[in-house]
Amino acid sequence: MTARQPRLHRYWIQLPEDVLRARGLCGGCGVTAYDLDDARRILQAQLFKETPLPTFTHVTEDVDVTTLDAGHVLPNMGVCSWRGIWYPLGCGP
């Protein structure tokens, strides 16, 4: 019998406008994780190292990335099938 791999989920996480502006983000953050708590840990460790993790204003689990901003998010995102931050580009896989 083989062990089952945990399923990854693509999250689109929206943050308060002041946080988005301060970090130069368009609309939110994209992160692939095992669950929302895992996504929070990844964001804290990689994107919000020096500051507390802000409150999320909205979370979309298993987001269809084709629905995200085609002019900014899609051309500037990393690999969304790997665990980690895929938007903004350069913060994850």
N, C-alpha and C. Protein backbone atom coordinates (compact mmCIF):
# COMPACT_ATOMS: atom_id res chain seq x y z
N MET A 1 0.84 -1.17 0.00
CA MET A 1 0.00 0.00 0.00
C MET A 1 0.89 1.24 0.00
N THR A 2 0.55 2.21 -0.83
CA THR A 2 1.35 3.43 -0.91
C THR A 2 0.62 4.58 -0.21
N ALA A 3 1.42 5.49 0.31
CA ALA A 3 0.84 6.66 0.99
C ALA A 3 0.30 7.65 -0.04
N ARG A 4 -0.83 8.22 0.27
CA ARG A 4 -1.42 9.23 -0.63
C ARG A 4 -0.73 10.57 -0.43
N GLN A 5 -0.45 11.23 -1.54
CA GLN A 5 0.09 12.58 -1.48
C GLN A 5 -1.04 13.55 -1.15
N PRO A 6 -0.80 14.50 -0.27
CA PRO A 6 -1.82 15.51 -0.01
C PRO A 6 -2.09 16.33 -1.28
N ARG A 7 -3.32 16.74 -1.46
CA ARG A 7 -3.71 17.50 -2.64
C ARG A 7 -3.33 18.97 -2.45
N LEU A 8 -2.78 19.56 -3.50
CA LEU A 8 -2.47 20.99 -3.49
C LEU A 8 -3.67 21.79 -3.99
N HIS A 9 -3.81 23.00 -3.47
CA HIS A 9 -4.88 23.91 -3.86
C HIS A 9 -4.26 25.23 -4.29
N ARG A 10 -4.81 25.82 -5.35
CA ARG A 10 -4.39 27.15 -5.80
C ARG A 10 -5.28 28.17 -5.10
N TYR A 11 -4.65 29.07 -4.36
CA TYR A 11 -5.39 30.12 -3.66
C TYR A 11 -5.11 31.48 -4.29
N TRP A 12 -6.15 32.27 -4.48
CA TRP A 12 -6.01 33.68 -4.82
C TRP A 12 -6.46 34.42 -3.57
N ILE A 13 -5.53 35.15 -2.97
CA ILE A 13 -5.77 35.79 -1.69
C ILE A 13 -5.76 37.30 -1.87
N GLN A 14 -6.89 37.91 -1.55
CA GLN A 14 -6.99 39.36 -1.66
C GLN A 14 -6.69 39.98 -0.30
N LEU A 15 -5.99 41.11 -0.36
CA LEU A 15 -5.52 41.80 0.83
C LEU A 15 -6.07 43.23 0.84
N PRO A 16 -5.99 43.93 1.97
CA PRO A 16 -6.43 45.32 2.01
C PRO A 16 -5.68 46.17 0.98
N GLU A 17 -6.36 47.19 0.45
CA GLU A 17 -5.78 48.04 -0.61
C GLU A 17 -4.46 48.67 -0.19
N ASP A 18 -4.33 49.12 1.06
CA ASP A 18 -3.08 49.76 1.48
C ASP A 18 -1.92 48.78 1.46
N VAL A 19 -2.17 47.53 1.78
CA VAL A 19 -1.12 46.49 1.74
C VAL A 19 -0.73 46.22 0.29
N LEU A 20 -1.72 46.13 -0.59
CA LEU A 20 -1.44 45.89 -2.01
C LEU A 20 -0.59 47.02 -2.58
N ARG A 21 -0.98 48.27 -2.32
CA ARG A 21 -0.23 49.43 -2.84
C ARG A 21 1.20 49.45 -2.31
N ALA A 22 1.35 49.20 -1.01
CA ALA A 22 2.68 49.25 -0.38
C ALA A 22 3.63 48.22 -0.98
N ARG A 23 3.10 47.11 -1.46
CA ARG A 23 3.93 46.04 -2.02
C ARG A 23 3.90 46.01 -3.54
N GLY A 24 3.18 46.94 -4.15
CA GLY A 24 3.10 46.99 -5.61
C GLY A 24 2.38 45.81 -6.22
N LEU A 25 1.38 45.30 -5.52
CA LEU A 25 0.65 44.13 -6.00
C LEU A 25 -0.62 44.54 -6.73
N CYS A 26 -1.01 43.74 -7.69
CA CYS A 26 -2.23 43.97 -8.46
C CYS A 26 -3.29 42.97 -8.01
N GLY A 27 -4.20 43.38 -7.17
CA GLY A 27 -5.34 42.55 -6.82
C GLY A 27 -5.15 41.56 -5.69
N GLY A 28 -3.99 40.99 -5.52
CA GLY A 28 -3.81 40.00 -4.47
C GLY A 28 -2.53 39.21 -4.63
N CYS A 29 -2.52 38.04 -4.01
CA CYS A 29 -1.38 37.12 -4.06
C CYS A 29 -1.88 35.75 -4.49
N GLY A 30 -1.08 35.05 -5.26
CA GLY A 30 -1.39 33.69 -5.64
C GLY A 30 -0.43 32.73 -4.96
N VAL A 31 -0.97 31.72 -4.33
CA VAL A 31 -0.14 30.74 -3.63
C VAL A 31 -0.78 29.36 -3.75
N THR A 32 0.06 28.37 -3.98
CA THR A 32 -0.40 26.98 -4.02
C THR A 32 0.07 26.31 -2.74
N ALA A 33 -0.86 25.65 -2.05
CA ALA A 33 -0.56 25.08 -0.74
C ALA A 33 -1.47 23.89 -0.46
N TYR A 34 -1.15 23.16 0.61
CA TYR A 34 -1.96 22.01 1.00
C TYR A 34 -3.32 22.43 1.56
N ASP A 35 -3.33 23.56 2.28
CA ASP A 35 -4.58 24.09 2.83
C ASP A 35 -4.34 25.57 3.13
N LEU A 36 -5.35 26.26 3.62
CA LEU A 36 -5.23 27.69 3.85
C LEU A 36 -4.19 28.01 4.92
N ASP A 37 -4.08 27.19 5.95
CA ASP A 37 -3.06 27.43 6.97
C ASP A 37 -1.66 27.31 6.37
N ASP A 38 -1.46 26.35 5.48
CA ASP A 38 -0.18 26.20 4.80
C ASP A 38 0.10 27.44 3.93
N ALA A 39 -0.92 27.94 3.25
CA ALA A 39 -0.77 29.16 2.44
C ALA A 39 -0.36 30.34 3.31
N ARG A 40 -0.97 30.46 4.48
CA ARG A 40 -0.61 31.54 5.41
C ARG A 40 0.86 31.43 5.82
N ARG A 41 1.31 30.22 6.13
CA ARG A 41 2.71 30.02 6.54
C ARG A 41 3.66 30.40 5.41
N ILE A 42 3.33 30.01 4.18
CA ILE A 42 4.17 30.33 3.03
C ILE A 42 4.25 31.84 2.82
N LEU A 43 3.11 32.51 2.85
CA LEU A 43 3.10 33.97 2.68
C LEU A 43 3.89 34.66 3.78
N GLN A 44 3.72 34.22 5.02
CA GLN A 44 4.45 34.83 6.13
C GLN A 44 5.96 34.65 5.96
N ALA A 45 6.38 33.46 5.58
CA ALA A 45 7.80 33.16 5.47
C ALA A 45 8.46 33.81 4.26
N GLN A 46 7.72 33.98 3.17
CA GLN A 46 8.36 34.44 1.94
C GLN A 46 8.02 35.87 1.53
N LEU A 47 6.84 36.35 1.83
CA LEU A 47 6.44 37.67 1.35
C LEU A 47 6.31 38.70 2.48
N PHE A 48 5.98 38.25 3.66
CA PHE A 48 5.79 39.17 4.79
C PHE A 48 6.77 38.83 5.91
N LYS A 49 8.04 38.64 5.56
CA LYS A 49 9.07 38.23 6.53
C LYS A 49 9.22 39.22 7.68
N GLU A 50 9.17 40.51 7.36
CA GLU A 50 9.46 41.54 8.36
C GLU A 50 8.22 42.13 9.02
N THR A 51 7.04 41.74 8.57
CA THR A 51 5.81 42.34 9.09
C THR A 51 4.79 41.25 9.40
N PRO A 52 3.84 41.56 10.25
CA PRO A 52 2.78 40.58 10.51
C PRO A 52 1.97 40.31 9.23
N LEU A 53 1.48 39.12 9.10
CA LEU A 53 0.64 38.77 7.96
C LEU A 53 -0.66 39.56 8.05
N PRO A 54 -1.00 40.31 6.99
CA PRO A 54 -2.24 41.09 7.05
C PRO A 54 -3.48 40.21 7.00
N THR A 55 -4.58 40.78 7.40
CA THR A 55 -5.87 40.09 7.32
C THR A 55 -6.25 39.91 5.85
N PHE A 56 -6.75 38.76 5.49
CA PHE A 56 -7.21 38.52 4.12
C PHE A 56 -8.61 39.10 3.97
N THR A 57 -8.86 39.80 2.86
CA THR A 57 -10.20 40.34 2.63
C THR A 57 -11.07 39.34 1.88
N HIS A 58 -10.45 38.45 1.11
CA HIS A 58 -11.20 37.41 0.40
C HIS A 58 -10.22 36.32 -0.02
N VAL A 59 -10.66 35.08 0.01
CA VAL A 59 -9.84 33.93 -0.43
C VAL A 59 -10.65 33.11 -1.41
N THR A 60 -10.04 32.81 -2.56
CA THR A 60 -10.65 31.90 -3.52
C THR A 60 -9.81 30.64 -3.56
N GLU A 61 -10.39 29.52 -3.15
CA GLU A 61 -9.68 28.24 -3.18
C GLU A 61 -9.89 27.59 -4.55
N ASP A 62 -8.83 26.96 -5.05
CA ASP A 62 -8.86 26.29 -6.36
C ASP A 62 -9.26 27.27 -7.46
N VAL A 63 -8.64 28.46 -7.40
CA VAL A 63 -8.93 29.50 -8.37
C VAL A 63 -8.58 29.05 -9.79
N ASP A 64 -9.40 29.41 -10.74
CA ASP A 64 -9.11 29.20 -12.16
C ASP A 64 -8.28 30.40 -12.58
N VAL A 65 -6.98 30.20 -12.78
CA VAL A 65 -6.08 31.32 -13.04
C VAL A 65 -6.44 32.09 -14.31
N THR A 66 -7.16 31.48 -15.22
CA THR A 66 -7.55 32.20 -16.45
C THR A 66 -8.53 33.32 -16.15
N THR A 67 -9.10 33.35 -14.95
CA THR A 67 -10.04 34.41 -14.58
C THR A 67 -9.33 35.62 -13.97
N LEU A 68 -8.02 35.51 -13.74
CA LEU A 68 -7.27 36.61 -13.14
C LEU A 68 -6.88 37.64 -14.20
N ASP A 69 -6.43 38.79 -13.77
CA ASP A 69 -6.10 39.92 -14.64
C ASP A 69 -5.14 39.50 -15.75
N ALA A 70 -5.66 39.49 -16.99
CA ALA A 70 -4.87 39.04 -18.15
C ALA A 70 -3.78 40.03 -18.53
N GLY A 71 -3.93 41.28 -18.13
CA GLY A 71 -2.94 42.29 -18.51
C GLY A 71 -1.78 42.40 -17.54
N HIS A 72 -1.97 41.95 -16.30
CA HIS A 72 -0.88 42.09 -15.33
C HIS A 72 -0.56 40.79 -14.59
N VAL A 73 -1.55 40.13 -14.04
CA VAL A 73 -1.28 38.94 -13.22
C VAL A 73 -0.77 37.79 -14.09
N LEU A 74 -1.51 37.44 -15.13
CA LEU A 74 -1.13 36.26 -15.93
C LEU A 74 0.27 36.34 -16.52
N PRO A 75 0.67 37.48 -17.12
CA PRO A 75 2.02 37.50 -17.68
C PRO A 75 3.13 37.63 -16.63
N ASN A 76 2.76 37.86 -15.39
CA ASN A 76 3.75 38.07 -14.33
C ASN A 76 3.65 37.06 -13.20
N MET A 77 3.17 35.86 -13.52
CA MET A 77 3.04 34.84 -12.48
C MET A 77 4.00 33.68 -12.74
N GLY A 78 4.35 32.99 -11.67
CA GLY A 78 5.20 31.81 -11.77
C GLY A 78 4.36 30.56 -11.99
N VAL A 79 4.93 29.43 -11.64
CA VAL A 79 4.28 28.14 -11.84
C VAL A 79 3.25 27.90 -10.74
N CYS A 80 1.98 27.78 -11.13
CA CYS A 80 0.92 27.66 -10.12
C CYS A 80 0.62 26.20 -9.75
N SER A 81 1.31 25.26 -10.36
CA SER A 81 1.08 23.86 -10.02
C SER A 81 2.08 23.34 -8.98
N TRP A 82 3.03 24.18 -8.59
CA TRP A 82 4.01 23.82 -7.56
C TRP A 82 3.66 24.53 -6.27
N ARG A 83 3.97 23.92 -5.15
CA ARG A 83 3.72 24.53 -3.84
C ARG A 83 4.57 25.78 -3.69
N GLY A 84 3.92 26.88 -3.34
CA GLY A 84 4.61 28.14 -3.11
C GLY A 84 3.87 29.32 -3.71
N ILE A 85 4.48 30.49 -3.63
CA ILE A 85 3.89 31.70 -4.16
C ILE A 85 4.14 31.77 -5.65
N TRP A 86 3.09 31.97 -6.44
CA TRP A 86 3.24 32.11 -7.88
C TRP A 86 2.90 33.51 -8.36
N TYR A 87 2.31 34.33 -7.51
CA TYR A 87 2.14 35.75 -7.79
C TYR A 87 2.20 36.49 -6.47
N PRO A 88 3.09 37.46 -6.36
CA PRO A 88 3.92 38.05 -7.39
C PRO A 88 5.10 37.17 -7.78
N LEU A 89 5.47 37.30 -9.03
CA LEU A 89 6.59 36.55 -9.60
C LEU A 89 7.86 36.87 -8.81
N GLY A 90 8.67 35.85 -8.59
CA GLY A 90 9.93 36.04 -7.90
C GLY A 90 9.87 35.74 -6.41
N CYS A 91 8.69 35.41 -5.91
CA CYS A 91 8.55 35.09 -4.48
C CYS A 91 8.43 33.60 -4.23
N GLY A 92 8.34 32.80 -5.27
CA GLY A 92 8.14 31.37 -5.09
C GLY A 92 8.76 30.57 -6.21
N PRO A 93 8.14 29.44 -6.57
CA PRO A 93 8.74 28.53 -7.55
C PRO A 93 8.87 29.12 -8.94
